[in-house]
């Protein structure tokens, strides 16, 4: 099965991230990817990933995370205690 990351996926990721109120740096740190990789997922390009398939896998995992586990301030407070 071949995975592809497309412009619609990129827009969806950016929109979901914006809904959380998080900037690129914060989401990248929370999900353990680089800011550059997250920026590239939201805007296109492939140079920071080993392959287009890996890019798609990372992007889809981030979409799944944001759709199912949108971080809240309560979660952040619990983690800091």
PDB file of N, CA and C in Angstrom:
ATOM      1  N   UNK A   1       0.839  -1.179   0.000  1.00  0.00           N
ATOM      2  CA  UNK A   1       0.000   0.000   0.000  1.00  0.00           C
ATOM      3  C   UNK A   1       0.884   1.243   0.000  1.00  0.00           C
ATOM      4  N   UNK A   2       0.628   2.114  -0.894  1.00  0.00           N
ATOM      5  CA  UNK A   2       1.397   3.339  -0.999  1.00  0.00           C
ATOM      6  C   UNK A   2       0.620   4.492  -0.375  1.00  0.00           C
ATOM      7  N   UNK A   3       1.294   5.228   0.461  1.00  0.00           N
ATOM      8  CA  UNK A   3       0.676   6.387   1.094  1.00  0.00           C
ATOM      9  C   UNK A   3       1.134   7.648   0.386  1.00  0.00           C
ATOM     10  N   UNK A   4       0.257   8.624   0.303  1.00  0.00           N
ATOM     11  CA  UNK A   4       0.597   9.894  -0.324  1.00  0.00           C
ATOM     12  C   UNK A   4       0.129  11.033   0.559  1.00  0.00           C
ATOM     13  N   UNK A   5       0.956  12.048   0.685  1.00  0.00           N
ATOM     14  CA  UNK A   5       0.605  13.264   1.409  1.00  0.00           C
ATOM     15  C   UNK A   5       0.290  14.318   0.369  1.00  0.00           C
ATOM     16  N   UNK A   6      -0.895  14.897   0.436  1.00  0.00           N
ATOM     17  CA  UNK A   6      -1.288  15.850  -0.598  1.00  0.00           C
ATOM     18  C   UNK A   6      -1.630  17.212   0.002  1.00  0.00           C
ATOM     19  N   UNK A   7      -1.966  18.140  -0.863  1.00  0.00           N
ATOM     20  CA  UNK A   7      -2.258  19.509  -0.434  1.00  0.00           C
ATOM     21  C   UNK A   7      -3.454  19.569   0.521  1.00  0.00           C
ATOM     22  N   UNK A   8      -4.455  18.729   0.302  1.00  0.00           N
ATOM     23  CA  UNK A   8      -5.623  18.715   1.190  1.00  0.00           C
ATOM     24  C   UNK A   8      -5.230  18.244   2.593  1.00  0.00           C
ATOM     25  N   UNK A   9      -4.355  17.242   2.661  1.00  0.00           N
ATOM     26  CA  UNK A   9      -3.859  16.771   3.958  1.00  0.00           C
ATOM     27  C   UNK A   9      -3.101  17.890   4.675  1.00  0.00           C
ATOM     28  N   UNK A  10      -2.266  18.590   3.913  1.00  0.00           N
ATOM     29  CA  UNK A  10      -1.481  19.686   4.483  1.00  0.00           C
ATOM     30  C   UNK A  10      -2.388  20.777   5.051  1.00  0.00           C
ATOM     31  N   UNK A  11      -3.408  21.149   4.303  1.00  0.00           N
ATOM     32  CA  UNK A  11      -4.353  22.175   4.768  1.00  0.00           C
ATOM     33  C   UNK A  11      -5.122  21.705   6.002  1.00  0.00           C
ATOM     34  N   UNK A  12      -5.514  20.442   6.017  1.00  0.00           N
ATOM     35  CA  UNK A  12      -6.227  19.873   7.152  1.00  0.00           C
ATOM     36  C   UNK A  12      -5.350  19.899   8.404  1.00  0.00           C
ATOM     37  N   UNK A  13      -4.087  19.516   8.258  1.00  0.00           N
ATOM     38  CA  UNK A  13      -3.160  19.532   9.390  1.00  0.00           C
ATOM     39  C   UNK A  13      -3.006  20.944   9.936  1.00  0.00           C
ATOM     40  N   UNK A  14      -2.813  21.898   9.053  1.00  0.00           N
ATOM     41  CA  UNK A  14      -2.642  23.281   9.480  1.00  0.00           C
ATOM     42  C   UNK A  14      -3.896  23.800  10.178  1.00  0.00           C
ATOM     43  N   UNK A  15      -5.059  23.482   9.628  1.00  0.00           N
ATOM     44  CA  UNK A  15      -6.324  23.926  10.233  1.00  0.00           C
ATOM     45  C   UNK A  15      -6.531  23.312  11.611  1.00  0.00           C
ATOM     46  N   UNK A  16      -6.268  22.014  11.738  1.00  0.00           N
ATOM     47  CA  UNK A  16      -6.431  21.357  13.034  1.00  0.00           C
ATOM     48  C   UNK A  16      -5.451  21.916  14.062  1.00  0.00           C
ATOM     49  N   UNK A  17      -4.213  22.162  13.636  1.00  0.00           N
ATOM     50  CA  UNK A  17      -3.237  22.747  14.550  1.00  0.00           C
ATOM     51  C   UNK A  17      -3.701  24.125  14.995  1.00  0.00           C
ATOM     52  N   UNK A  18      -4.213  24.910  14.081  1.00  0.00           N
ATOM     53  CA  UNK A  18      -4.699  26.250  14.412  1.00  0.00           C
ATOM     54  C   UNK A  18      -5.851  26.190  15.403  1.00  0.00           C
ATOM     55  N   UNK A  19      -6.718  25.195  15.255  1.00  0.00           N
ATOM     56  CA  UNK A  19      -7.846  25.035  16.182  1.00  0.00           C
ATOM     57  C   UNK A  19      -7.378  24.801  17.613  1.00  0.00           C
ATOM     58  N   UNK A  20      -6.234  24.182  17.776  1.00  0.00           N
ATOM     59  CA  UNK A  20      -5.709  23.948  19.124  1.00  0.00           C
ATOM     60  C   UNK A  20      -5.165  25.207  19.746  1.00  0.00           C
ATOM     61  N   UNK A  21      -4.868  26.202  18.892  1.00  0.00           N
ATOM     62  CA  UNK A  21      -4.251  27.420  19.385  1.00  0.00           C
ATOM     63  C   UNK A  21      -2.745  27.292  19.533  1.00  0.00           C
ATOM     64  N   UNK A  22      -2.204  26.189  19.039  1.00  0.00           N
ATOM     65  CA  UNK A  22      -0.768  25.930  19.159  1.00  0.00           C
ATOM     66  C   UNK A  22      -0.040  26.463  17.938  1.00  0.00           C
ATOM     67  N   UNK A  23       1.173  26.957  18.151  1.00  0.00           N
ATOM     68  CA  UNK A  23       2.003  27.324  17.023  1.00  0.00           C
ATOM     69  C   UNK A  23       2.798  26.096  16.570  1.00  0.00           C
ATOM     70  N   UNK A  24       3.519  26.246  15.482  1.00  0.00           N
ATOM     71  CA  UNK A  24       4.260  25.127  14.902  1.00  0.00           C
ATOM     72  C   UNK A  24       5.279  24.575  15.900  1.00  0.00           C
ATOM     73  N   UNK A  25       5.966  25.461  16.589  1.00  0.00           N
ATOM     74  CA  UNK A  25       7.003  25.026  17.538  1.00  0.00           C
ATOM     75  C   UNK A  25       6.417  24.155  18.646  1.00  0.00           C
ATOM     76  N   UNK A  26       5.320  24.575  19.181  1.00  0.00           N
ATOM     77  CA  UNK A  26       4.702  23.842  20.289  1.00  0.00           C
ATOM     78  C   UNK A  26       4.247  22.445  19.858  1.00  0.00           C
ATOM     79  N   UNK A  27       3.578  22.339  18.706  1.00  0.00           N
ATOM     80  CA  UNK A  27       3.122  21.029  18.254  1.00  0.00           C
ATOM     81  C   UNK A  27       4.310  20.140  17.900  1.00  0.00           C
ATOM     82  N   UNK A  28       5.323  20.711  17.283  1.00  0.00           N
ATOM     83  CA  UNK A  28       6.505  19.922  16.938  1.00  0.00           C
ATOM     84  C   UNK A  28       7.151  19.348  18.196  1.00  0.00           C
ATOM     85  N   UNK A  29       7.302  20.153  19.205  1.00  0.00           N
ATOM     86  CA  UNK A  29       7.894  19.663  20.459  1.00  0.00           C
ATOM     87  C   UNK A  29       7.019  18.596  21.099  1.00  0.00           C
ATOM     88  N   UNK A  30       5.718  18.808  21.113  1.00  0.00           N
ATOM     89  CA  UNK A  30       4.794  17.874  21.748  1.00  0.00           C
ATOM     90  C   UNK A  30       4.782  16.520  21.048  1.00  0.00           C
ATOM     91  N   UNK A  31       4.983  16.528  19.719  1.00  0.00           N
ATOM     92  CA  UNK A  31       4.915  15.294  18.943  1.00  0.00           C
ATOM     93  C   UNK A  31       6.282  14.756  18.543  1.00  0.00           C
ATOM     94  N   UNK A  32       7.343  15.393  19.029  1.00  0.00           N
ATOM     95  CA  UNK A  32       8.719  14.926  18.833  1.00  0.00           C
ATOM     96  C   UNK A  32       9.153  14.869  17.367  1.00  0.00           C
ATOM     97  N   UNK A  33       8.749  15.874  16.598  1.00  0.00           N
ATOM     98  CA  UNK A  33       9.302  16.035  15.260  1.00  0.00           C
ATOM     99  C   UNK A  33       9.913  17.422  15.197  1.00  0.00           C
ATOM    100  N   UNK A  34      10.686  17.680  14.175  1.00  0.00           N
ATOM    101  CA  UNK A  34      11.312  18.999  14.078  1.00  0.00           C
ATOM    102  C   UNK A  34      10.313  20.037  13.569  1.00  0.00           C
ATOM    103  N   UNK A  35      10.581  21.274  13.926  1.00  0.00           N
ATOM    104  CA  UNK A  35       9.760  22.377  13.432  1.00  0.00           C
ATOM    105  C   UNK A  35       9.807  22.400  11.908  1.00  0.00           C
ATOM    106  N   UNK A  36      10.992  22.170  11.353  1.00  0.00           N
ATOM    107  CA  UNK A  36      11.145  22.180   9.898  1.00  0.00           C
ATOM    108  C   UNK A  36      10.291  21.092   9.248  1.00  0.00           C
ATOM    109  N   UNK A  37      10.245  19.908   9.853  1.00  0.00           N
ATOM    110  CA  UNK A  37       9.422  18.830   9.292  1.00  0.00           C
ATOM    111  C   UNK A  37       7.946  19.183   9.362  1.00  0.00           C
ATOM    112  N   UNK A  38       7.501  19.728  10.479  1.00  0.00           N
ATOM    113  CA  UNK A  38       6.097  20.102  10.605  1.00  0.00           C
ATOM    114  C   UNK A  38       5.748  21.202   9.605  1.00  0.00           C
ATOM    115  N   UNK A  39       6.628  22.170   9.467  1.00  0.00           N
ATOM    116  CA  UNK A  39       6.410  23.232   8.486  1.00  0.00           C
ATOM    117  C   UNK A  39       6.321  22.647   7.086  1.00  0.00           C
ATOM    118  N   UNK A  40       7.175  21.685   6.799  1.00  0.00           N
ATOM    119  CA  UNK A  40       7.153  21.064   5.478  1.00  0.00           C
ATOM    120  C   UNK A  40       5.879  20.241   5.274  1.00  0.00           C
ATOM    121  N   UNK A  41       5.400  19.572   6.310  1.00  0.00           N
ATOM    122  CA  UNK A  41       4.139  18.833   6.201  1.00  0.00           C
ATOM    123  C   UNK A  41       2.984  19.778   5.900  1.00  0.00           C
ATOM    124  N   UNK A  42       2.994  20.946   6.512  1.00  0.00           N
ATOM    125  CA  UNK A  42       1.908  21.901   6.292  1.00  0.00           C
ATOM    126  C   UNK A  42       2.027  22.650   4.966  1.00  0.00           C
ATOM    127  N   UNK A  43       3.236  22.730   4.427  1.00  0.00           N
ATOM    128  CA  UNK A  43       3.420  23.549   3.254  1.00  0.00           C
ATOM    129  C   UNK A  43       3.913  22.854   2.003  1.00  0.00           C
ATOM    130  N   UNK A  44       4.257  21.581   2.110  1.00  0.00           N
ATOM    131  CA  UNK A  44       4.758  20.856   0.941  1.00  0.00           C
ATOM    132  C   UNK A  44       6.240  20.619   1.006  1.00  0.00           C
ATOM    133  N   UNK A  45       6.747  19.925   0.022  1.00  0.00           N
ATOM    134  CA  UNK A  45       8.155  19.581  -0.023  1.00  0.00           C
ATOM    135  C   UNK A  45       8.406  18.234   0.624  1.00  0.00           C
ATOM    136  N   UNK A  46       9.550  17.660   0.319  1.00  0.00           N
ATOM    137  CA  UNK A  46       9.871  16.332   0.858  1.00  0.00           C
ATOM    138  C   UNK A  46      11.301  16.201   1.356  1.00  0.00           C
ATOM    139  N   UNK A  47      12.115  17.207   1.240  1.00  0.00           N
ATOM    140  CA  UNK A  47      13.547  17.057   1.485  1.00  0.00           C
ATOM    141  C   UNK A  47      13.917  16.650   2.905  1.00  0.00           C
ATOM    142  N   UNK A  48      13.077  16.900   3.885  1.00  0.00           N
ATOM    143  CA  UNK A  48      13.416  16.583   5.269  1.00  0.00           C
ATOM    144  C   UNK A  48      12.962  15.189   5.701  1.00  0.00           C
ATOM    145  N   UNK A  49      12.427  14.418   4.776  1.00  0.00           N
ATOM    146  CA  UNK A  49      11.947  13.079   5.084  1.00  0.00           C
ATOM    147  C   UNK A  49      12.722  12.062   4.259  1.00  0.00           C
ATOM    148  N   UNK A  50      12.867  10.847   4.781  1.00  0.00           N
ATOM    149  CA  UNK A  50      13.604   9.810   4.069  1.00  0.00           C
ATOM    150  C   UNK A  50      12.928   9.411   2.769  1.00  0.00           C
ATOM    151  N   UNK A  51      11.606   9.471   2.757  1.00  0.00           N
ATOM    152  CA  UNK A  51      10.865   9.089   1.562  1.00  0.00           C
ATOM    153  C   UNK A  51       9.470   9.715   1.622  1.00  0.00           C
ATOM    154  N   UNK A  52       8.793   9.788   0.487  1.00  0.00           N
ATOM    155  CA  UNK A  52       7.406  10.294   0.490  1.00  0.00           C
ATOM    156  C   UNK A  52       6.492   9.445   1.376  1.00  0.00           C
ATOM    157  N   UNK A  53       6.759   8.150   1.453  1.00  0.00           N
ATOM    158  CA  UNK A  53       5.932   7.274   2.297  1.00  0.00           C
ATOM    159  C   UNK A  53       6.099   7.618   3.767  1.00  0.00           C
ATOM    160  N   UNK A  54       7.335   7.868   4.189  1.00  0.00           N
ATOM    161  CA  UNK A  54       7.565   8.239   5.585  1.00  0.00           C
ATOM    162  C   UNK A  54       6.915   9.590   5.884  1.00  0.00           C
ATOM    163  N   UNK A  55       7.005  10.517   4.941  1.00  0.00           N
ATOM    164  CA  UNK A  55       6.348  11.810   5.121  1.00  0.00           C
ATOM    165  C   UNK A  55       4.853  11.611   5.323  1.00  0.00           C
ATOM    166  N   UNK A  56       4.243  10.779   4.499  1.00  0.00           N
ATOM    167  CA  UNK A  56       2.805  10.521   4.613  1.00  0.00           C
ATOM    168  C   UNK A  56       2.474   9.857   5.943  1.00  0.00           C
ATOM    169  N   UNK A  57       3.294   8.913   6.372  1.00  0.00           N
ATOM    170  CA  UNK A  57       3.041   8.229   7.638  1.00  0.00           C
ATOM    171  C   UNK A  57       3.091   9.202   8.812  1.00  0.00           C
ATOM    172  N   UNK A  58       4.107  10.072   8.828  1.00  0.00           N
ATOM    173  CA  UNK A  58       4.220  11.064   9.898  1.00  0.00           C
ATOM    174  C   UNK A  58       3.030  12.023   9.850  1.00  0.00           C
ATOM    175  N   UNK A  59       2.706  12.496   8.669  1.00  0.00           N
ATOM    176  CA  UNK A  59       1.588  13.422   8.527  1.00  0.00           C
ATOM    177  C   UNK A  59       0.270  12.818   8.974  1.00  0.00           C
ATOM    178  N   UNK A  60       0.020  11.584   8.577  1.00  0.00           N
ATOM    179  CA  UNK A  60      -1.236  10.927   8.965  1.00  0.00           C
ATOM    180  C   UNK A  60      -1.292  10.663  10.463  1.00  0.00           C
ATOM    181  N   UNK A  61      -0.164  10.361  11.073  1.00  0.00           N
ATOM    182  CA  UNK A  61      -0.133  10.181  12.532  1.00  0.00           C
ATOM    183  C   UNK A  61      -0.454  11.503  13.237  1.00  0.00           C
ATOM    184  N   UNK A  62       0.075  12.609  12.706  1.00  0.00           N
ATOM    185  CA  UNK A  62      -0.235  13.908  13.300  1.00  0.00           C
ATOM    186  C   UNK A  62      -1.710  14.259  13.128  1.00  0.00           C
ATOM    187  N   UNK A  63      -2.252  13.994  11.952  1.00  0.00           N
ATOM    188  CA  UNK A  63      -3.688  14.232  11.742  1.00  0.00           C
ATOM    189  C   UNK A  63      -4.514  13.413  12.718  1.00  0.00           C
ATOM    190  N   UNK A  64      -4.186  12.156  12.868  1.00  0.00           N
ATOM    191  CA  UNK A  64      -4.903  11.282  13.797  1.00  0.00           C
ATOM    192  C   UNK A  64      -4.786  11.805  15.219  1.00  0.00           C
ATOM    193  N   UNK A  65      -3.597  12.205  15.613  1.00  0.00           N
ATOM    194  CA  UNK A  65      -3.384  12.745  16.954  1.00  0.00           C
ATOM    195  C   UNK A  65      -4.271  13.971  17.187  1.00  0.00           C
ATOM    196  N   UNK A  66      -4.242  14.905  16.252  1.00  0.00           N
ATOM    197  CA  UNK A  66      -5.019  16.129  16.427  1.00  0.00           C
ATOM    198  C   UNK A  66      -6.520  15.876  16.388  1.00  0.00           C
ATOM    199  N   UNK A  67      -6.963  14.938  15.572  1.00  0.00           N
ATOM    200  CA  UNK A  67      -8.389  14.640  15.481  1.00  0.00           C
ATOM    201  C   UNK A  67      -8.908  13.922  16.716  1.00  0.00           C
ATOM    202  N   UNK A  68      -8.073  13.114  17.343  1.00  0.00           N
ATOM    203  CA  UNK A  68      -8.524  12.283  18.454  1.00  0.00           C
ATOM    204  C   UNK A  68      -8.048  12.720  19.826  1.00  0.00           C
ATOM    205  N   UNK A  69      -7.024  13.526  19.872  1.00  0.00           N
ATOM    206  CA  UNK A  69      -6.446  13.907  21.155  1.00  0.00           C
ATOM    207  C   UNK A  69      -6.056  15.370  21.150  1.00  0.00           C
ATOM    208  N   UNK A  70      -6.973  16.210  20.752  1.00  0.00           N
ATOM    209  CA  UNK A  70      -6.637  17.632  20.705  1.00  0.00           C
ATOM    210  C   UNK A  70      -6.253  18.072  22.115  1.00  0.00           C
ATOM    211  N   UNK A  71      -5.004  18.514  22.275  1.00  0.00           N
ATOM    212  CA  UNK A  71      -4.536  18.912  23.603  1.00  0.00           C
ATOM    213  C   UNK A  71      -5.342  20.087  24.142  1.00  0.00           C
ATOM    214  N   UNK A  72      -5.586  20.052  25.417  1.00  0.00           N
ATOM    215  CA  UNK A  72      -6.301  21.136  26.073  1.00  0.00           C
ATOM    216  C   UNK A  72      -5.409  21.722  27.156  1.00  0.00           C
ATOM    217  N   UNK A  73      -5.801  22.856  27.665  1.00  0.00           N
ATOM    218  CA  UNK A  73      -5.035  23.457  28.743  1.00  0.00           C
ATOM    219  C   UNK A  73      -5.037  22.555  29.962  1.00  0.00           C
ATOM    220  N   UNK A  74      -6.126  21.843  30.208  1.00  0.00           N
ATOM    221  CA  UNK A  74      -6.189  20.933  31.354  1.00  0.00           C
ATOM    222  C   UNK A  74      -5.135  19.843  31.220  1.00  0.00           C
ATOM    223  N   UNK A  75      -4.960  19.308  30.011  1.00  0.00           N
ATOM    224  CA  UNK A  75      -3.948  18.290  29.781  1.00  0.00           C
ATOM    225  C   UNK A  75      -2.569  18.859  30.075  1.00  0.00           C
ATOM    226  N   UNK A  76      -2.326  20.067  29.631  1.00  0.00           N
ATOM    227  CA  UNK A  76      -1.031  20.689  29.860  1.00  0.00           C
ATOM    228  C   UNK A  76      -0.780  20.891  31.345  1.00  0.00           C
ATOM    229  N   UNK A  77      -1.792  21.308  32.068  1.00  0.00           N
ATOM    230  CA  UNK A  77      -1.641  21.542  33.500  1.00  0.00           C
ATOM    231  C   UNK A  77      -1.333  20.222  34.198  1.00  0.00           C
ATOM    232  N   UNK A  78      -2.025  19.153  33.844  1.00  0.00           N
ATOM    233  CA  UNK A  78      -1.789  17.858  34.454  1.00  0.00           C
ATOM    234  C   UNK A  78      -0.370  17.376  34.189  1.00  0.00           C
ATOM    235  N   UNK A  79       0.134  17.594  32.997  1.00  0.00           N
ATOM    236  CA  UNK A  79       1.481  17.156  32.658  1.00  0.00           C
ATOM    237  C   UNK A  79       2.543  17.945  33.416  1.00  0.00           C
ATOM    238  N   UNK A  80       2.251  19.197  33.764  1.00  0.00           N
ATOM    239  CA  UNK A  80       3.249  20.019  34.421  1.00  0.00           C
ATOM    240  C   UNK A  80       3.303  19.769  35.930  1.00  0.00           C
ATOM    241  N   UNK A  81       2.311  19.070  36.476  1.00  0.00           N
ATOM    242  CA  UNK A  81       2.267  18.815  37.923  1.00  0.00           C
ATOM    243  C   UNK A  81       3.118  17.629  38.267  1.00  0.00           C
TER     244      UNK A  81
END
